Amino acid sequence: MTKQEIVSSISKKTGIDKVTALTAVEAFMDTVKEALVNNEENVYLRGFGSFILKKRATKTARNITLNTTMTIPEHYIPAFKPAKEFMDAVKDISAE
């Protein structure tokens, strides 16, 4: 599902115009990005899931073409952790 499809679905379900729905969706995405980029806090949406930062440890990687090794420093990556209710709903679909 694309962002435009999400906007259309929200517009149909709520009765608001697509421009307003698009503004709301983009504002939500910007808010989540800002919270994670500024390392302020994780974003928790009860019943849906959490947008979190995961810490990747320092590791050694190999470039097999040049036969060299390099160290990749520790860093953070964004991740989504679905809520238990969400996971259970998806499991129920796959069980059918």
Protein backbone atom coordinates (compact mmCIF):
# COMPACT_ATOMS: atom_id res chain seq x y z
CA MET A 1 0.00 0.00 0.00
CA THR A 2 1.41 3.38 -1.00
CA LYS A 3 1.10 6.70 0.80
CA GLN A 4 -1.45 7.84 -1.78
CA GLU A 5 -3.55 4.73 -1.17
CA ILE A 6 -3.42 5.38 2.58
CA VAL A 7 -4.54 8.97 2.01
CA SER A 8 -7.42 7.80 -0.20
CA SER A 9 -8.51 5.24 2.38
CA ILE A 10 -8.44 7.79 5.21
CA SER A 11 -10.37 10.24 3.05
CA LYS A 12 -13.09 7.67 2.33
CA LYS A 13 -13.38 6.46 5.94
CA THR A 14 -13.45 9.89 7.57
CA GLY A 15 -15.11 12.00 4.90
CA ILE A 16 -12.34 14.61 4.90
CA ASP A 17 -10.78 15.77 1.66
CA LYS A 18 -7.60 14.14 0.36
CA VAL A 19 -5.48 17.28 0.81
CA THR A 20 -6.26 17.38 4.54
CA ALA A 21 -5.64 13.63 4.88
CA LEU A 22 -2.32 13.96 3.04
CA THR A 23 -1.29 16.82 5.34
CA ALA A 24 -2.13 14.71 8.40
CA VAL A 25 -0.25 11.63 7.12
CA GLU A 26 2.84 13.68 6.24
CA ALA A 27 2.71 15.48 9.60
CA PHE A 28 2.59 12.10 11.36
CA MET A 29 5.57 10.79 9.40
CA ASP A 30 7.55 14.00 10.06
CA THR A 31 6.80 13.80 13.78
CA VAL A 32 7.98 10.18 13.99
CA LYS A 33 11.15 10.98 12.02
CA GLU A 34 11.95 14.03 14.15
CA ALA A 35 11.47 12.08 17.39
CA LEU A 36 13.80 9.31 16.26
CA VAL A 37 16.41 11.49 14.51
CA ASN A 38 16.74 13.80 17.50
CA ASN A 39 16.93 10.71 19.72
CA GLU A 40 14.21 12.26 21.86
CA GLU A 41 12.16 9.16 22.47
CA ASN A 42 10.54 6.15 20.91
CA VAL A 43 7.04 6.53 19.47
CA TYR A 44 4.45 4.22 21.02
CA LEU A 45 1.03 3.69 19.42
CA ARG A 46 -1.04 1.50 21.72
CA GLY A 47 -2.60 -1.43 19.86
CA PHE A 48 -0.49 -0.79 16.74
CA GLY A 49 3.20 -0.83 17.61
CA SER A 50 6.32 1.18 18.39
CA PHE A 51 8.81 3.05 16.26
CA ILE A 52 12.14 2.55 18.01
CA LEU A 53 15.88 2.96 17.52
CA LYS A 54 18.00 -0.17 17.57
CA LYS A 55 21.69 0.04 18.38
CA ARG A 56 24.03 -1.89 16.10
CA ALA A 57 27.33 -2.84 17.71
CA THR A 58 30.73 -2.18 16.16
CA LYS A 59 31.66 -4.95 13.75
CA THR A 60 34.41 -5.94 11.37
CA ALA A 61 33.49 -6.29 7.70
CA ARG A 62 35.46 -7.66 4.78
CA ASN A 63 35.79 -6.36 1.27
CA ILE A 64 36.48 -9.62 -0.56
CA THR A 65 37.33 -7.85 -3.82
CA LEU A 66 40.25 -5.94 -2.25
CA ASN A 67 40.87 -8.57 0.45
CA THR A 68 40.75 -5.93 3.18
CA THR A 69 38.90 -5.56 6.45
CA MET A 70 37.29 -2.47 7.87
CA THR A 71 35.54 -1.58 11.07
CA ILE A 72 31.97 -0.41 10.92
CA PRO A 73 31.32 1.79 13.97
CA GLU A 74 28.31 1.34 16.22
CA HIS A 75 25.24 3.08 14.91
CA TYR A 76 21.48 3.26 15.29
CA ILE A 77 18.82 2.13 12.83
CA PRO A 78 15.08 2.83 12.93
CA ALA A 79 12.81 -0.15 13.50
CA PHE A 80 9.15 -0.94 13.97
CA LYS A 81 7.97 -3.36 16.64
CA PRO A 82 4.32 -4.38 16.18
CA ALA A 83 2.02 -4.58 19.21
CA LYS A 84 0.92 -8.00 20.46
CA GLU A 85 -2.67 -7.37 19.29
CA PHE A 86 -1.38 -6.49 15.82
CA MET A 87 0.81 -9.60 15.69
CA ASP A 88 -2.08 -11.81 16.81
CA ALA A 89 -4.37 -10.36 14.12
CA VAL A 90 -1.77 -11.08 11.42
CA LYS A 91 -1.21 -14.59 12.74
CA ASP A 92 -4.95 -15.25 12.60
CA ILE A 93 -4.99 -14.30 8.91
CA SER A 94 -2.10 -16.62 8.07
CA ALA A 95 -3.74 -19.49 9.96
CA GLU A 96 -6.81 -19.48 7.71
